[in-house]
Amino acid sequence: MTATSPLIGADFVDLTDLYSKRIRQLVKSEDPSLAEGVYVHWRGPAYETPAEINMLRTVGADLVGMSTVPEAIAAHALGAEVLGISLVTNAAAGVTGEKLSHTEVMEAGQAAAGRMGELLAKVLKQL
């Protein structure tokens, strides 16, 4: 979900099946603990405010981030089979009562890099 498009011009791309059901099922078979949900693209570069997070929850957001959606739209427009997979590195603003720290976000990403790399390697071997 995003309010902007990376495409320029009159390309109206149908996003009904943006993310490949086949690849999503493949990923789920490799790691059944992974959840699916609604990812909202937020432009950044600032983290979201607690008020914005509350608004996004109201419209059904499960995750909010500054990447993935523009790239997915562009790839889909070119006919690619697309998978969106997110590595959650922090709770949203206002959820824990703690201030967000970009250093902690980077550390969480680095800590999970091995697991993410292993998952992607397994999935890519099957494509």
C-alpha atoms as a PDB file:
ATOM      1  CA  MET A   1       0.000   0.000   0.000  1.00  0.00           C
ATOM      2  CA  THR A   2       1.403   3.402  -0.976  1.00  0.00           C
ATOM      3  CA  ALA A   3       0.101   6.791  -1.977  1.00  0.00           C
ATOM      4  CA  THR A   4       2.691   7.317  -4.713  1.00  0.00           C
ATOM      5  CA  SER A   5       3.903   5.432  -7.764  1.00  0.00           C
ATOM      6  CA  PRO A   6       7.463   5.043  -9.032  1.00  0.00           C
ATOM      7  CA  LEU A   7       6.128   5.000 -12.594  1.00  0.00           C
ATOM      8  CA  ILE A   8       5.989   8.108 -14.749  1.00  0.00           C
ATOM      9  CA  GLY A   9       3.378   8.612 -17.439  1.00  0.00           C
ATOM     10  CA  ALA A  10       0.046   6.978 -18.095  1.00  0.00           C
ATOM     11  CA  ASP A  11       0.948   3.447 -16.981  1.00  0.00           C
ATOM     12  CA  PHE A  12      -1.917   2.226 -14.851  1.00  0.00           C
ATOM     13  CA  VAL A  13      -0.659  -1.085 -13.527  1.00  0.00           C
ATOM     14  CA  ASP A  14      -3.108  -3.582 -12.024  1.00  0.00           C
ATOM     15  CA  LEU A  15      -1.737  -4.402  -8.572  1.00  0.00           C
ATOM     16  CA  THR A  16      -4.379  -6.984  -7.678  1.00  0.00           C
ATOM     17  CA  ASP A  17      -1.802  -9.778  -7.705  1.00  0.00           C
ATOM     18  CA  LEU A  18       1.341  -7.712  -7.130  1.00  0.00           C
ATOM     19  CA  TYR A  19       3.037 -10.386  -5.036  1.00  0.00           C
ATOM     20  CA  SER A  20       3.384 -13.871  -6.541  1.00  0.00           C
ATOM     21  CA  LYS A  21       1.198 -16.439  -4.810  1.00  0.00           C
ATOM     22  CA  ARG A  22       3.544 -19.185  -6.047  1.00  0.00           C
ATOM     23  CA  ILE A  23       6.643 -17.632  -4.474  1.00  0.00           C
ATOM     24  CA  ARG A  24       4.777 -16.701  -1.289  1.00  0.00           C
ATOM     25  CA  GLN A  25       3.761 -20.351  -0.886  1.00  0.00           C
ATOM     26  CA  LEU A  26       7.337 -21.453  -1.561  1.00  0.00           C
ATOM     27  CA  VAL A  27       8.669 -19.117   1.148  1.00  0.00           C
ATOM     28  CA  LYS A  28       5.989 -20.290   3.582  1.00  0.00           C
ATOM     29  CA  SER A  29       6.970 -23.918   2.936  1.00  0.00           C
ATOM     30  CA  GLU A  30      10.580 -23.056   3.842  1.00  0.00           C
ATOM     31  CA  ASP A  31       9.614 -21.167   7.014  1.00  0.00           C
ATOM     32  CA  PRO A  32       6.018 -21.674   8.231  1.00  0.00           C
ATOM     33  CA  SER A  33       6.610 -19.221  11.096  1.00  0.00           C
ATOM     34  CA  LEU A  34       6.560 -16.271   8.678  1.00  0.00           C
ATOM     35  CA  ALA A  35       3.382 -14.197   8.729  1.00  0.00           C
ATOM     36  CA  GLU A  36       1.656 -12.369   5.893  1.00  0.00           C
ATOM     37  CA  GLY A  37       0.106  -8.951   6.223  1.00  0.00           C
ATOM     38  CA  VAL A  38      -0.386  -5.492   4.774  1.00  0.00           C
ATOM     39  CA  TYR A  39       2.834  -3.516   4.257  1.00  0.00           C
ATOM     40  CA  VAL A  40       2.486   0.252   3.873  1.00  0.00           C
ATOM     41  CA  HIS A  41       5.174   2.266   2.128  1.00  0.00           C
ATOM     42  CA  TRP A  42       6.010   5.515   3.937  1.00  0.00           C
ATOM     43  CA  ARG A  43       8.332   7.909   2.130  1.00  0.00           C
ATOM     44  CA  GLY A  44      10.617   8.853   4.994  1.00  0.00           C
ATOM     45  CA  PRO A  45      13.388   9.640   5.582  1.00  0.00           C
ATOM     46  CA  ALA A  46      11.957  10.301   9.055  1.00  0.00           C
ATOM     47  CA  TYR A  47      10.354   7.529  11.082  1.00  0.00           C
ATOM     48  CA  GLU A  48       6.588   7.710  11.348  1.00  0.00           C
ATOM     49  CA  THR A  49       4.932   9.630  14.171  1.00  0.00           C
ATOM     50  CA  PRO A  50       2.676   7.849  16.685  1.00  0.00           C
ATOM     51  CA  ALA A  51      -0.323   9.645  15.125  1.00  0.00           C
ATOM     52  CA  GLU A  52       0.614   8.382  11.660  1.00  0.00           C
ATOM     53  CA  ILE A  53       1.006   4.845  12.990  1.00  0.00           C
ATOM     54  CA  ASN A  54      -2.469   5.028  14.575  1.00  0.00           C
ATOM     55  CA  MET A  55      -3.934   6.255  11.271  1.00  0.00           C
ATOM     56  CA  LEU A  56      -2.207   3.478   9.325  1.00  0.00           C
ATOM     57  CA  ARG A  57      -3.465   0.834  11.769  1.00  0.00           C
ATOM     58  CA  THR A  58      -6.979   2.124  11.152  1.00  0.00           C
ATOM     59  CA  VAL A  59      -6.655   1.418   7.421  1.00  0.00           C
ATOM     60  CA  GLY A  60      -5.253  -2.067   8.019  1.00  0.00           C
ATOM     61  CA  ALA A  61      -1.466  -1.674   8.084  1.00  0.00           C
ATOM     62  CA  ASP A  62       0.510  -4.456   9.726  1.00  0.00           C
ATOM     63  CA  LEU A  63       3.975  -3.111   8.825  1.00  0.00           C
ATOM     64  CA  VAL A  64       5.247   0.278   7.725  1.00  0.00           C
ATOM     65  CA  GLY A  65       8.520   0.910   5.950  1.00  0.00           C
ATOM     66  CA  MET A  66      10.399   3.101   3.511  1.00  0.00           C
ATOM     67  CA  SER A  67      11.143   0.522   0.831  1.00  0.00           C
ATOM     68  CA  THR A  68       9.759  -2.461  -1.066  1.00  0.00           C
ATOM     69  CA  VAL A  69       6.552  -1.088  -2.593  1.00  0.00           C
ATOM     70  CA  PRO A  70       8.007   1.269  -5.260  1.00  0.00           C
ATOM     71  CA  GLU A  71      10.443  -1.451  -6.336  1.00  0.00           C
ATOM     72  CA  ALA A  72       7.674  -4.063  -6.389  1.00  0.00           C
ATOM     73  CA  ILE A  73       5.408  -1.859  -8.523  1.00  0.00           C
ATOM     74  CA  ALA A  74       8.194  -1.136 -11.012  1.00  0.00           C
ATOM     75  CA  ALA A  75       9.172  -4.824 -11.271  1.00  0.00           C
ATOM     76  CA  HIS A  76       5.533  -5.889 -11.678  1.00  0.00           C
ATOM     77  CA  ALA A  77       5.026  -3.270 -14.397  1.00  0.00           C
ATOM     78  CA  LEU A  78       7.924  -4.902 -16.280  1.00  0.00           C
ATOM     79  CA  GLY A  79       6.308  -8.333 -15.985  1.00  0.00           C
ATOM     80  CA  ALA A  80       8.499  -9.769 -13.232  1.00  0.00           C
ATOM     81  CA  GLU A  81       7.209 -12.238 -10.679  1.00  0.00           C
ATOM     82  CA  VAL A  82       7.493 -10.348  -7.386  1.00  0.00           C
ATOM     83  CA  LEU A  83       7.965 -11.330  -3.753  1.00  0.00           C
ATOM     84  CA  GLY A  84       7.834  -8.818  -0.925  1.00  0.00           C
ATOM     85  CA  ILE A  85       9.572  -9.957   2.232  1.00  0.00           C
ATOM     86  CA  SER A  86      10.246  -7.733   5.218  1.00  0.00           C
ATOM     87  CA  LEU A  87      12.729  -7.948   8.029  1.00  0.00           C
ATOM     88  CA  VAL A  88      11.129  -6.163  10.981  1.00  0.00           C
ATOM     89  CA  THR A  89      13.813  -4.206  12.824  1.00  0.00           C
ATOM     90  CA  ASN A  90      11.804  -2.047  15.218  1.00  0.00           C
ATOM     91  CA  ALA A  91       8.413  -1.454  16.756  1.00  0.00           C
ATOM     92  CA  ALA A  92       6.645   1.565  15.301  1.00  0.00           C
ATOM     93  CA  ALA A  93       6.755   4.961  16.961  1.00  0.00           C
ATOM     94  CA  GLY A  94       4.574   5.127  20.059  1.00  0.00           C
ATOM     95  CA  VAL A  95       4.193   1.354  20.440  1.00  0.00           C
ATOM     96  CA  THR A  96       6.787   0.790  23.171  1.00  0.00           C
ATOM     97  CA  GLY A  97       7.059   4.282  24.636  1.00  0.00           C
ATOM     98  CA  GLU A  98      10.774   4.322  23.762  1.00  0.00           C
ATOM     99  CA  LYS A  99      12.339   6.661  21.215  1.00  0.00           C
ATOM    100  CA  LEU A 100      13.371   5.067  17.940  1.00  0.00           C
ATOM    101  CA  SER A 101      17.093   4.616  17.393  1.00  0.00           C
ATOM    102  CA  HIS A 102      18.502   4.168  13.902  1.00  0.00           C
ATOM    103  CA  THR A 103      21.538   2.477  15.457  1.00  0.00           C
ATOM    104  CA  GLU A 104      19.275  -0.149  17.061  1.00  0.00           C
ATOM    105  CA  VAL A 105      17.446  -0.622  13.756  1.00  0.00           C
ATOM    106  CA  MET A 106      20.752  -1.277  11.972  1.00  0.00           C
ATOM    107  CA  GLU A 107      21.898  -3.666  14.720  1.00  0.00           C
ATOM    108  CA  ALA A 108      18.636  -5.637  14.508  1.00  0.00           C
ATOM    109  CA  GLY A 109      19.054  -5.935  10.746  1.00  0.00           C
ATOM    110  CA  GLN A 110      22.611  -7.157  11.101  1.00  0.00           C
ATOM    111  CA  ALA A 111      21.593  -9.673  13.772  1.00  0.00           C
ATOM    112  CA  ALA A 112      18.966 -11.205  11.471  1.00  0.00           C
ATOM    113  CA  ALA A 113      21.020 -11.076   8.262  1.00  0.00           C
ATOM    114  CA  GLY A 114      22.168 -14.692   8.530  1.00  0.00           C
ATOM    115  CA  ARG A 115      18.662 -16.096   8.927  1.00  0.00           C
ATOM    116  CA  MET A 116      17.341 -13.926   6.084  1.00  0.00           C
ATOM    117  CA  GLY A 117      20.238 -14.932   3.835  1.00  0.00           C
ATOM    118  CA  GLU A 118      19.655 -18.629   4.501  1.00  0.00           C
ATOM    119  CA  LEU A 119      15.949 -18.305   3.719  1.00  0.00           C
ATOM    120  CA  LEU A 120      16.563 -16.421   0.478  1.00  0.00           C
ATOM    121  CA  ALA A 121      19.237 -18.908  -0.626  1.00  0.00           C
ATOM    122  CA  LYS A 122      16.817 -21.821  -0.123  1.00  0.00           C
ATOM    123  CA  VAL A 123      14.033 -20.057  -2.019  1.00  0.00           C
ATOM    124  CA  LEU A 124      16.252 -18.964  -4.912  1.00  0.00           C
ATOM    125  CA  LYS A 125      17.462 -22.539  -5.433  1.00  0.00           C
ATOM    126  CA  GLN A 126      13.847 -23.547  -6.074  1.00  0.00           C
ATOM    127  CA  LEU A 127      12.995 -20.815  -8.574  1.00  0.00           C
END
